Amino acid sequence: MTNKYETISFLSDYGTRDEFVGVVKSVIYEIAPQSRVVDLTHEIEPFDVRAGSLSLARSVSYIASGVVLAVVDPGVGSSRRGVAVEVLDGKGVFVGPDNGLLAMAIALAGGAGRAVCLTNTKYHLVSPGETFAGRDIFGPVAAHLCNGVDLSELGEMIDPALLLPGVVPIPREEKGALHGEVTWVDRFGNCQLNIGPDEVASMGEVLRVEIGSLLSGASASHEQVVRSLKIVRSYDAIGSGLGLVIDSYGMLSICVDRGSAARELSIGQGDLVILSRLTEADQTKSIPTPVKIAPKR
């Protein structure tokens, strides 16, 4: 039985300054005027496939059933494949480039079912160039799915096990400490970590937190500081200063109540954060203010 979808959830790095998002949505409505498009975000940093993948993964449990259209595509026009991948026995389909962008969200949605490489140009727009696959391939394919076109009609069937995997930042344990990183800084300056509260439950409710060693070049700081931070469940419970909040996605985030932790600490996506149990020395002296461990270069 062919599924007919109503909703397209759309994520991209297109931004909203240019006409790209509006053009893709207009193409969709021209093909499938009955469809509705939900904008997840179009403010992924340009070319940042990992950030787009993490954003999709955070959202997937709350996305309406239907088509997920995701375009963060630095390899557009190259030999990278465009794909459509079913999940949940056809209740949903992910459409986008096969560059790791879709992998984590597909896994969280229960894993890939049928998958196709988007080779049937019958369901594409005639393109004057090859640099706008969102308009010419992915958007039209999403719209045709809403019109009831079966996945198998969109191109060559492929083995879903051969889809490009995502790059998932995994924390590592070293000498009793958990080495993680900042995976996301939201518009409020909250810094989400790739560490959940269960992973540090044995360390107590106040942790020793080393912050700000540069990993990826995303941060402006080369200085490492140390804080003792309490794990709390709301921003208001932080009080003054910084805290570790269990955020709406169930992960730990370094936060300031009504302020920006990213700005206060000069940290950003990709920066190292080390969580460990407070030592006796830490408990004696506490660590209410930054302590420089390495000189600023």
Protein backbone atom coordinates (compact mmCIF):
# COMPACT_ATOMS: atom_id res chain seq x y z
CA MET A 1 0.00 0.00 0.00
CA THR A 2 1.37 3.40 -1.01
CA ASN A 3 1.56 5.98 1.75
CA LYS A 4 0.35 9.50 1.06
CA TYR A 5 1.92 12.10 3.32
CA GLU A 6 0.57 15.49 4.38
CA THR A 7 3.46 17.13 6.23
CA ILE A 8 7.00 18.00 5.14
CA SER A 9 9.36 18.99 7.96
CA PHE A 10 12.13 21.11 6.40
CA LEU A 11 15.64 21.74 7.76
CA SER A 12 18.50 23.42 5.91
CA ASP A 13 21.53 25.69 6.09
CA TYR A 14 19.98 28.09 3.56
CA GLY A 15 19.27 30.90 6.03
CA THR A 16 16.46 33.34 5.37
CA ARG A 17 18.29 36.29 3.82
CA ASP A 18 18.19 34.85 0.31
CA GLU A 19 15.24 33.40 -1.57
CA PHE A 20 16.34 29.76 -1.31
CA VAL A 21 13.85 28.58 1.34
CA GLY A 22 10.93 30.40 -0.26
CA VAL A 23 11.74 28.97 -3.68
CA VAL A 24 11.92 25.38 -2.37
CA LYS A 25 8.59 25.79 -0.57
CA SER A 26 6.98 27.31 -3.67
CA VAL A 27 8.16 24.36 -5.76
CA ILE A 28 6.64 22.00 -3.20
CA TYR A 29 3.30 23.82 -3.18
CA GLU A 30 3.15 23.91 -6.98
CA ILE A 31 3.50 20.11 -7.12
CA ALA A 32 1.53 19.25 -3.97
CA PRO A 33 -0.68 22.22 -3.03
CA GLN A 34 -2.42 20.19 -0.32
CA SER A 35 0.82 19.63 1.59
CA ARG A 36 1.98 21.65 4.57
CA VAL A 37 5.60 22.54 5.26
CA VAL A 38 6.94 22.92 8.79
CA ASP A 39 10.20 24.86 9.05
CA LEU A 40 12.40 23.14 11.64
CA THR A 41 15.28 25.57 11.10
CA HIS A 42 17.20 27.13 8.23
CA GLU A 43 19.93 28.58 10.43
CA ILE A 44 22.33 25.62 10.51
CA GLU A 45 25.81 27.05 9.95
CA PRO A 46 26.69 26.80 6.24
CA PHE A 47 28.14 23.39 5.28
CA ASP A 48 27.97 22.08 8.90
CA VAL A 49 26.62 18.59 8.28
CA ARG A 50 27.23 17.49 11.86
CA ALA A 51 25.29 20.41 13.33
CA GLY A 52 22.41 19.66 10.96
CA SER A 53 22.53 16.00 11.93
CA LEU A 54 22.42 16.82 15.64
CA SER A 55 19.53 19.24 15.11
CA LEU A 56 17.56 16.55 13.28
CA ALA A 57 18.36 14.03 16.01
CA ARG A 58 17.12 16.43 18.73
CA SER A 59 13.90 17.04 16.79
CA VAL A 60 13.00 13.62 15.44
CA SER A 61 10.91 12.43 18.40
CA TYR A 62 8.63 15.45 18.01
CA ILE A 63 8.39 15.74 14.22
CA ALA A 64 4.97 15.07 12.69
CA SER A 65 4.72 11.85 10.70
CA GLY A 66 5.37 12.41 7.03
CA VAL A 67 8.36 13.55 5.03
CA VAL A 68 11.53 15.00 6.55
CA LEU A 69 13.36 17.18 4.01
CA ALA A 70 16.90 17.97 5.16
CA VAL A 71 19.45 19.85 3.08
CA VAL A 72 22.94 20.62 4.37
CA ASP A 73 24.84 19.71 1.28
CA PRO A 74 28.40 20.96 0.77
CA GLY A 75 28.89 18.25 -1.88
CA VAL A 76 25.97 19.41 -4.04
CA GLY A 77 26.56 18.64 -7.71
CA SER A 78 29.25 16.07 -6.93
CA SER A 79 29.07 12.27 -6.94
CA ARG A 80 27.40 12.17 -3.50
CA ARG A 81 24.00 10.51 -3.71
CA GLY A 82 20.60 11.99 -3.09
CA VAL A 83 18.43 9.52 -1.19
CA ALA A 84 14.98 8.85 0.24
CA VAL A 85 14.76 6.47 3.20
CA GLU A 86 11.64 5.03 4.81
CA VAL A 87 11.28 4.62 8.57
CA LEU A 88 8.62 3.05 10.79
CA ASP A 89 7.28 0.78 8.03
CA GLY A 90 6.63 3.70 5.74
CA LYS A 91 5.05 6.10 8.25
CA GLY A 92 7.84 8.53 7.45
CA VAL A 93 10.46 9.22 4.77
CA PHE A 94 13.73 11.13 5.06
CA VAL A 95 14.85 12.95 1.91
CA GLY A 96 18.25 14.57 1.48
CA PRO A 97 21.91 14.04 0.61
CA ASP A 98 23.66 10.83 1.60
CA ASN A 99 26.45 12.58 3.52
CA GLY A 100 25.72 11.56 7.11
CA LEU A 101 23.13 14.28 7.66
CA LEU A 102 20.19 11.88 7.98
CA ALA A 103 21.85 8.91 9.69
CA MET A 104 21.41 9.70 13.39
CA ALA A 105 17.78 10.79 13.06
CA ILE A 106 16.95 7.69 11.01
CA ALA A 107 18.50 5.50 13.70
CA LEU A 108 16.50 7.26 16.43
CA ALA A 109 13.34 6.82 14.36
CA GLY A 110 13.79 3.06 14.48
CA GLY A 111 16.22 2.48 11.65
CA ALA A 112 16.06 2.48 7.87
CA GLY A 113 13.54 0.45 5.89
CA ARG A 114 13.43 0.74 2.12
CA ALA A 115 15.89 3.20 0.61
CA VAL A 116 16.35 4.59 -2.89
CA CYS A 117 18.91 6.67 -4.72
CA LEU A 118 17.01 9.55 -6.37
CA THR A 119 17.90 8.72 -9.97
CA ASN A 120 14.48 9.00 -11.65
CA THR A 121 14.53 12.48 -13.19
CA LYS A 122 10.80 12.23 -13.93
CA TYR A 123 10.31 13.51 -10.38
CA HIS A 124 12.89 16.32 -10.58
CA LEU A 125 12.74 19.80 -12.04
CA VAL A 126 14.63 20.56 -15.22
CA SER A 127 17.70 22.32 -13.85
CA PRO A 128 19.78 25.11 -15.41
CA GLY A 129 22.66 24.10 -13.13
CA GLU A 130 23.57 21.51 -10.53
CA THR A 131 24.06 23.62 -7.40
CA PHE A 132 20.51 23.83 -6.01
CA ALA A 133 19.41 20.25 -5.34
CA GLY A 134 16.93 21.45 -2.70
CA ARG A 135 14.90 23.17 -5.42
CA ASP A 136 15.51 20.75 -8.28
CA ILE A 137 15.59 17.29 -6.62
CA PHE A 138 14.86 17.06 -2.89
CA GLY A 139 11.93 19.50 -2.74
CA PRO A 140 10.14 18.00 -5.77
CA VAL A 141 10.69 14.45 -4.47
CA ALA A 142 9.20 15.40 -1.10
CA ALA A 143 6.19 16.91 -2.86
CA HIS A 144 5.64 13.84 -5.06
CA LEU A 145 5.72 11.66 -1.96
CA CYS A 146 2.87 13.81 -0.60
CA ASN A 147 1.01 13.10 -3.84
CA GLY A 148 1.25 9.38 -3.20
CA VAL A 149 4.18 8.43 -5.42
CA ASP A 150 5.70 5.23 -4.04
CA LEU A 151 9.31 5.27 -2.89
CA SER A 152 10.24 2.62 -5.44
CA GLU A 153 9.28 4.97 -8.27
CA LEU A 154 11.85 7.59 -7.26
CA GLY A 155 14.96 5.73 -8.32
CA GLU A 156 17.19 2.72 -7.83
CA MET A 157 16.61 0.70 -4.65
CA ILE A 158 19.74 0.58 -2.48
CA ASP A 159 20.89 -1.31 0.60
CA PRO A 160 20.15 0.96 3.60
CA ALA A 161 23.13 -0.57 5.41
CA LEU A 162 25.37 1.20 2.89
CA LEU A 163 24.08 4.70 3.66
CA LEU A 164 26.83 6.99 4.92
CA PRO A 165 26.91 6.94 8.76
CA GLY A 166 26.74 10.11 10.82
CA VAL A 167 29.55 11.52 12.91
CA VAL A 168 28.27 11.19 16.48
CA PRO A 169 30.41 12.77 19.21
CA ILE A 170 30.72 10.15 21.96
CA PRO A 171 32.07 11.05 25.43
CA ARG A 172 35.00 9.01 26.69
CA GLU A 173 36.05 8.07 30.19
CA GLU A 174 39.61 8.75 31.25
CA LYS A 175 41.00 8.32 34.79
CA GLY A 176 37.56 8.55 36.36
CA ALA A 177 36.59 11.70 34.43
CA LEU A 178 34.18 11.96 31.53
CA HIS A 179 35.51 13.87 28.51
CA GLY A 180 32.68 15.34 26.45
CA GLU A 181 32.12 18.38 24.32
CA VAL A 182 29.71 21.19 23.57
CA THR A 183 27.51 19.93 20.74
CA TRP A 184 25.11 22.87 20.49
CA VAL A 185 24.83 26.47 21.64
CA ASP A 186 21.25 27.73 21.42
CA ARG A 187 20.26 31.37 20.89
CA PHE A 188 20.14 31.92 24.66
CA GLY A 189 23.77 30.85 25.07
CA ASN A 190 23.01 27.53 26.75
CA CYS A 191 25.75 25.00 25.93
CA GLN A 192 24.41 21.47 25.48
CA LEU A 193 26.87 18.65 26.14
CA ASN A 194 26.98 15.16 24.65
CA ILE A 195 26.60 13.83 28.20
CA GLY A 196 23.40 12.80 29.94
CA PRO A 197 22.72 12.89 33.70
CA ASP A 198 22.77 9.09 34.00
CA GLU A 199 26.38 9.04 32.82
CA VAL A 200 27.52 11.17 35.76
CA ALA A 201 25.05 9.94 38.42
CA SER A 202 27.82 8.30 40.43
CA MET A 203 29.78 11.56 40.65
CA GLY A 204 27.29 13.37 42.90
CA GLU A 205 25.07 16.38 42.34
CA VAL A 206 27.92 18.92 42.30
CA LEU A 207 30.61 18.22 39.73
CA ARG A 208 34.07 19.47 38.96
CA VAL A 209 33.83 20.91 35.44
CA GLU A 210 36.84 21.82 33.31
CA ILE A 211 35.73 24.01 30.46
CA GLY A 212 37.09 25.53 27.31
CA SER A 213 39.99 23.58 25.83
CA LEU A 214 39.79 24.25 22.13
CA LEU A 215 38.97 21.16 20.01
CA SER A 216 37.47 22.24 16.73
CA GLY A 217 38.26 25.89 16.20
CA ALA A 218 34.65 26.96 16.81
CA SER A 219 35.44 28.83 20.00
CA ALA A 220 37.28 32.10 20.42
CA SER A 221 38.88 30.95 23.68
CA HIS A 222 42.15 29.08 24.20
CA GLU A 223 41.88 29.26 27.97
CA GLN A 224 40.79 26.47 30.26
CA VAL A 225 38.84 27.24 33.43
CA VAL A 226 37.51 25.13 36.28
CA ARG A 227 34.14 25.43 38.01
CA SER A 228 32.13 23.38 40.50
CA LEU A 229 28.61 23.20 39.08
CA LYS A 230 25.43 21.75 40.54
CA ILE A 231 23.08 19.60 38.47
CA VAL A 232 19.59 21.16 38.50
CA ARG A 233 16.35 20.75 36.58
CA SER A 234 15.49 24.38 35.81
CA TYR A 235 17.24 27.65 35.04
CA ASP A 236 15.72 29.30 38.10
CA ALA A 237 17.28 26.63 40.33
CA ILE A 238 20.78 27.71 39.25
CA GLY A 239 20.67 30.87 41.34
CA SER A 240 23.65 33.11 40.63
CA GLY A 241 26.44 31.95 38.38
CA LEU A 242 26.51 28.79 36.29
CA GLY A 243 24.80 25.43 36.61
CA LEU A 244 24.37 22.11 34.82
CA VAL A 245 20.74 21.97 33.73
CA ILE A 246 19.04 18.77 32.58
CA ASP A 247 17.59 20.30 29.42
CA SER A 248 14.44 19.58 27.43
CA TYR A 249 16.24 16.86 25.46
CA GLY A 250 17.46 15.09 28.59
CA MET A 251 21.08 16.15 28.17
CA LEU A 252 23.28 18.25 30.46
CA SER A 253 23.69 21.88 29.45
CA ILE A 254 25.96 24.51 30.97
CA CYS A 255 23.65 27.44 31.61
CA VAL A 256 23.25 30.80 33.29
CA ASP A 257 19.83 31.86 34.55
CA ARG A 258 18.72 34.72 32.26
CA GLY A 259 22.17 34.95 30.73
CA SER A 260 24.55 33.37 28.25
CA ALA A 261 26.94 30.67 29.44
CA ALA A 262 28.63 30.67 26.04
CA ARG A 263 29.41 34.38 26.33
CA GLU A 264 30.47 34.20 29.96
CA LEU A 265 32.87 31.33 29.33
CA SER A 266 33.83 32.20 25.73
CA ILE A 267 33.11 28.64 24.62
CA GLY A 268 31.28 27.19 21.67
CA GLN A 269 30.46 24.10 19.68
CA GLY A 270 33.27 21.54 19.72
CA ASP A 271 34.95 22.74 22.90
CA LEU A 272 36.09 20.13 25.40
CA VAL A 273 34.25 19.80 28.73
CA ILE A 274 35.54 17.39 31.39
CA LEU A 275 33.21 16.31 34.18
CA SER A 276 34.54 14.59 37.29
CA ARG A 277 33.85 14.06 40.98
CA LEU A 278 34.83 16.91 43.29
CA THR A 279 38.07 16.18 45.11
CA GLU A 280 38.49 16.83 48.82
CA ALA A 281 40.58 19.86 47.94
CA ASP A 282 37.80 21.16 45.70
CA GLN A 283 35.21 20.70 48.45
CA THR A 284 37.44 22.50 50.94
CA LYS A 285 38.14 25.54 48.81
CA SER A 286 35.18 25.38 46.38
CA ILE A 287 35.63 26.83 42.91
CA PRO A 288 33.25 29.75 42.53
CA THR A 289 35.33 31.65 40.00
CA PRO A 290 37.43 30.71 36.96
CA VAL A 291 40.89 29.33 37.60
CA LYS A 292 43.40 29.66 34.79
CA ILE A 293 45.14 26.39 34.04
CA ALA A 294 46.83 27.30 30.80
CA PRO A 295 48.02 30.75 29.71
CA LYS A 296 46.09 32.43 26.96
CA ARG A 297 48.02 32.22 23.72
